[in-house]
Amino acid sequence: MSKQLTTRWYISAWIVSAIAWLALLATTHNHQDGTSPAFYLVLGAGAILMLLFLQLIGLGIVGMVAYALAGPEDSTTVVTRPPMAT
């Protein structure tokens, strides 16, 4: 898989995640469904923990940025082996 494609998919995943968060907040902001404020506190704390703990230790953002900047370049070289003589 090419570096450009991998980077685009990663960025797309973050965009989809942000849209999902906005949709969640837009549909539950008025507490009519009985959701307590503690739910949002736990939800926000989980998101921050995920971002800080998992992403910044190299499992996400840092690793992806390093790969995008210094990863191996895409190669189009194809090597084929000649058929074996019988």
N, C-alpha and C. Protein backbone atom coordinates (compact mmCIF):
# COMPACT_ATOMS: atom_id res chain seq x y z
N MET A 1 0.85 -1.16 0.00
CA MET A 1 0.00 0.00 0.00
C MET A 1 0.90 1.23 0.00
N SER A 2 0.53 2.23 -0.74
CA SER A 2 1.38 3.42 -0.86
C SER A 2 1.28 4.29 0.38
N LYS A 3 2.33 5.07 0.59
CA LYS A 3 2.37 5.98 1.73
C LYS A 3 1.28 7.04 1.60
N GLN A 4 1.05 7.53 0.42
CA GLN A 4 0.04 8.55 0.19
C GLN A 4 -1.35 8.00 0.53
N LEU A 5 -1.65 6.79 0.10
CA LEU A 5 -2.95 6.18 0.37
C LEU A 5 -3.13 5.94 1.87
N THR A 6 -2.10 5.45 2.53
CA THR A 6 -2.18 5.20 3.96
C THR A 6 -2.43 6.49 4.73
N THR A 7 -1.72 7.54 4.36
CA THR A 7 -1.90 8.83 5.03
C THR A 7 -3.30 9.38 4.80
N ARG A 8 -3.80 9.26 3.59
CA ARG A 8 -5.16 9.75 3.29
C ARG A 8 -6.21 8.99 4.09
N TRP A 9 -6.07 7.68 4.21
CA TRP A 9 -7.02 6.88 4.98
C TRP A 9 -6.97 7.27 6.46
N TYR A 10 -5.79 7.52 6.98
CA TYR A 10 -5.65 7.91 8.38
C TYR A 10 -6.34 9.24 8.65
N ILE A 11 -6.08 10.22 7.78
CA ILE A 11 -6.72 11.53 7.93
C ILE A 11 -8.23 11.40 7.77
N SER A 12 -8.69 10.59 6.83
CA SER A 12 -10.12 10.36 6.63
C SER A 12 -10.76 9.76 7.87
N ALA A 13 -10.06 8.86 8.53
CA ALA A 13 -10.59 8.25 9.76
C ALA A 13 -10.78 9.31 10.85
N TRP A 14 -9.85 10.24 10.97
CA TRP A 14 -10.00 11.32 11.94
C TRP A 14 -11.18 12.22 11.59
N ILE A 15 -11.38 12.49 10.32
CA ILE A 15 -12.51 13.33 9.90
C ILE A 15 -13.83 12.64 10.21
N VAL A 16 -13.93 11.36 9.91
CA VAL A 16 -15.15 10.60 10.21
C VAL A 16 -15.40 10.57 11.72
N SER A 17 -14.34 10.42 12.49
CA SER A 17 -14.48 10.43 13.95
C SER A 17 -15.00 11.78 14.44
N ALA A 18 -14.49 12.86 13.89
CA ALA A 18 -14.95 14.19 14.28
C ALA A 18 -16.42 14.39 13.91
N ILE A 19 -16.82 13.92 12.75
CA ILE A 19 -18.22 14.03 12.33
C ILE A 19 -19.12 13.22 13.27
N ALA A 20 -18.66 12.05 13.67
CA ALA A 20 -19.44 11.23 14.60
C ALA A 20 -19.60 11.93 15.94
N TRP A 21 -18.53 12.56 16.42
CA TRP A 21 -18.62 13.31 17.68
C TRP A 21 -19.61 14.46 17.56
N LEU A 22 -19.54 15.18 16.46
CA LEU A 22 -20.47 16.29 16.28
C LEU A 22 -21.91 15.80 16.19
N ALA A 23 -22.13 14.69 15.53
CA ALA A 23 -23.48 14.12 15.44
C ALA A 23 -23.97 13.69 16.82
N LEU A 24 -23.09 13.10 17.62
CA LEU A 24 -23.47 12.70 18.98
C LEU A 24 -23.86 13.91 19.81
N LEU A 25 -23.05 14.95 19.73
CA LEU A 25 -23.34 16.15 20.52
C LEU A 25 -24.60 16.84 20.03
N ALA A 26 -24.82 16.84 18.73
CA ALA A 26 -26.01 17.50 18.18
C ALA A 26 -27.29 16.78 18.55
N THR A 27 -27.24 15.48 18.69
CA THR A 27 -28.46 14.73 18.97
C THR A 27 -28.74 14.56 20.46
N THR A 28 -27.77 14.80 21.31
CA THR A 28 -27.98 14.56 22.73
C THR A 28 -27.68 15.76 23.60
N HIS A 29 -27.59 16.93 23.03
CA HIS A 29 -27.20 18.11 23.80
C HIS A 29 -28.27 18.62 24.75
N ASN A 30 -29.52 18.25 24.58
CA ASN A 30 -30.59 18.82 25.40
C ASN A 30 -31.03 17.90 26.54
N HIS A 31 -30.40 16.77 26.72
CA HIS A 31 -30.65 15.83 27.82
C HIS A 31 -32.09 15.32 27.87
N GLN A 32 -32.82 15.36 26.78
CA GLN A 32 -34.18 14.86 26.78
C GLN A 32 -34.24 13.34 26.82
N ASP A 33 -33.14 12.70 26.50
CA ASP A 33 -33.14 11.23 26.50
C ASP A 33 -32.78 10.66 27.86
N GLY A 34 -32.64 11.50 28.87
CA GLY A 34 -32.33 11.03 30.21
C GLY A 34 -30.84 10.82 30.45
N THR A 35 -30.01 11.23 29.53
CA THR A 35 -28.57 11.08 29.70
C THR A 35 -28.08 12.11 30.72
N SER A 36 -27.34 11.63 31.68
CA SER A 36 -26.85 12.54 32.72
C SER A 36 -25.58 13.25 32.27
N PRO A 37 -25.27 14.38 32.87
CA PRO A 37 -24.03 15.09 32.55
C PRO A 37 -22.78 14.23 32.83
N ALA A 38 -22.90 13.30 33.76
CA ALA A 38 -21.76 12.43 34.07
C ALA A 38 -21.38 11.59 32.85
N PHE A 39 -22.37 11.24 32.03
CA PHE A 39 -22.10 10.48 30.81
C PHE A 39 -21.14 11.25 29.92
N TYR A 40 -21.41 12.55 29.76
CA TYR A 40 -20.56 13.37 28.90
C TYR A 40 -19.18 13.57 29.51
N LEU A 41 -19.12 13.63 30.82
CA LEU A 41 -17.83 13.73 31.50
C LEU A 41 -16.99 12.49 31.24
N VAL A 42 -17.60 11.33 31.37
CA VAL A 42 -16.89 10.08 31.11
C VAL A 42 -16.53 9.97 29.64
N LEU A 43 -17.43 10.36 28.76
CA LEU A 43 -17.17 10.32 27.32
C LEU A 43 -16.00 11.23 26.95
N GLY A 44 -16.00 12.44 27.47
CA GLY A 44 -14.91 13.37 27.20
C GLY A 44 -13.59 12.91 27.79
N ALA A 45 -13.63 12.39 29.01
CA ALA A 45 -12.40 11.89 29.64
C ALA A 45 -11.83 10.71 28.86
N GLY A 46 -12.70 9.85 28.37
CA GLY A 46 -12.24 8.71 27.57
C GLY A 46 -11.60 9.16 26.26
N ALA A 47 -12.18 10.18 25.65
CA ALA A 47 -11.62 10.69 24.40
C ALA A 47 -10.26 11.33 24.63
N ILE A 48 -10.13 12.11 25.69
CA ILE A 48 -8.84 12.73 26.00
C ILE A 48 -7.81 11.68 26.36
N LEU A 49 -8.22 10.69 27.15
CA LEU A 49 -7.30 9.61 27.50
C LEU A 49 -6.84 8.86 26.27
N MET A 50 -7.76 8.57 25.36
CA MET A 50 -7.40 7.88 24.12
C MET A 50 -6.41 8.71 23.32
N LEU A 51 -6.69 9.99 23.19
CA LEU A 51 -5.81 10.87 22.41
C LEU A 51 -4.43 10.94 23.05
N LEU A 52 -4.38 11.22 24.35
CA LEU A 52 -3.09 11.43 25.01
C LEU A 52 -2.33 10.13 25.23
N PHE A 53 -3.03 9.11 25.70
CA PHE A 53 -2.34 7.89 26.07
C PHE A 53 -1.97 7.03 24.87
N LEU A 54 -2.90 6.80 24.00
CA LEU A 54 -2.64 5.90 22.88
C LEU A 54 -1.99 6.60 21.69
N GLN A 55 -2.48 7.77 21.34
CA GLN A 55 -1.99 8.42 20.14
C GLN A 55 -0.58 8.99 20.31
N LEU A 56 -0.31 9.59 21.42
CA LEU A 56 0.96 10.28 21.59
C LEU A 56 2.12 9.37 22.00
N ILE A 57 1.86 8.10 22.31
CA ILE A 57 2.97 7.21 22.63
C ILE A 57 3.44 6.45 21.40
N GLY A 58 3.02 6.89 20.26
CA GLY A 58 3.51 6.29 19.03
C GLY A 58 2.55 5.34 18.36
N LEU A 59 1.38 5.17 18.89
CA LEU A 59 0.42 4.26 18.29
C LEU A 59 -0.51 4.94 17.30
N GLY A 60 -0.31 6.21 17.09
CA GLY A 60 -1.23 6.92 16.22
C GLY A 60 -0.61 8.11 15.56
N ILE A 61 -0.90 9.27 16.11
CA ILE A 61 -0.51 10.53 15.46
C ILE A 61 1.00 10.61 15.26
N VAL A 62 1.76 10.37 16.31
CA VAL A 62 3.22 10.49 16.20
C VAL A 62 3.77 9.50 15.18
N GLY A 63 3.31 8.27 15.26
CA GLY A 63 3.76 7.26 14.31
C GLY A 63 3.37 7.58 12.89
N MET A 64 2.15 8.09 12.70
CA MET A 64 1.70 8.40 11.35
C MET A 64 2.45 9.58 10.77
N VAL A 65 2.70 10.60 11.59
CA VAL A 65 3.46 11.77 11.12
C VAL A 65 4.88 11.35 10.76
N ALA A 66 5.49 10.52 11.61
CA ALA A 66 6.85 10.05 11.32
C ALA A 66 6.87 9.23 10.03
N TYR A 67 5.88 8.40 9.85
CA TYR A 67 5.81 7.60 8.63
C TYR A 67 5.61 8.48 7.40
N ALA A 68 4.72 9.47 7.52
CA ALA A 68 4.45 10.35 6.38
C ALA A 68 5.67 11.18 6.01
N LEU A 69 6.45 11.59 7.02
CA LEU A 69 7.62 12.43 6.75
C LEU A 69 8.85 11.63 6.37
N ALA A 70 9.09 10.51 7.06
CA ALA A 70 10.36 9.82 6.87
C ALA A 70 10.22 8.36 6.45
N GLY A 71 9.02 7.93 6.16
CA GLY A 71 8.81 6.54 5.76
C GLY A 71 9.41 6.25 4.40
N PRO A 72 9.48 4.98 4.06
CA PRO A 72 10.05 4.63 2.76
C PRO A 72 9.20 5.18 1.62
N GLU A 73 9.88 5.61 0.61
CA GLU A 73 9.19 6.13 -0.56
C GLU A 73 8.54 4.98 -1.32
N ASP A 74 7.46 5.29 -1.99
CA ASP A 74 6.78 4.29 -2.80
C ASP A 74 7.66 3.93 -3.99
N SER A 75 7.76 2.66 -4.25
CA SER A 75 8.56 2.24 -5.40
C SER A 75 7.66 1.56 -6.41
N THR A 76 8.01 1.76 -7.66
CA THR A 76 7.24 1.13 -8.73
C THR A 76 8.07 0.08 -9.44
N THR A 77 9.22 -0.25 -8.87
CA THR A 77 10.09 -1.23 -9.47
C THR A 77 9.50 -2.62 -9.27
N VAL A 78 9.37 -3.33 -10.35
CA VAL A 78 8.86 -4.71 -10.30
C VAL A 78 9.94 -5.62 -10.83
N VAL A 79 10.26 -6.61 -10.04
CA VAL A 79 11.30 -7.57 -10.44
C VAL A 79 10.62 -8.90 -10.72
N THR A 80 10.89 -9.45 -11.89
CA THR A 80 10.33 -10.76 -12.22
C THR A 80 11.48 -11.72 -12.45
N ARG A 81 11.27 -12.91 -12.03
CA ARG A 81 12.27 -13.95 -12.22
C ARG A 81 12.01 -14.65 -13.54
N PRO A 82 13.05 -14.88 -14.31
CA PRO A 82 12.83 -15.60 -15.59
C PRO A 82 12.34 -17.02 -15.31
N PRO A 83 11.59 -17.57 -16.24
CA PRO A 83 11.10 -18.93 -16.04
C PRO A 83 12.27 -19.92 -16.01
N MET A 84 12.08 -20.97 -15.24
CA MET A 84 13.13 -21.98 -15.11
C MET A 84 13.15 -22.84 -16.37
N ALA A 85 14.36 -23.12 -16.81
CA ALA A 85 14.50 -23.99 -17.99
C ALA A 85 14.30 -25.43 -17.56
N THR A 86 13.58 -26.19 -18.37
CA THR A 86 13.36 -27.60 -18.04
C THR A 86 14.10 -28.51 -18.97
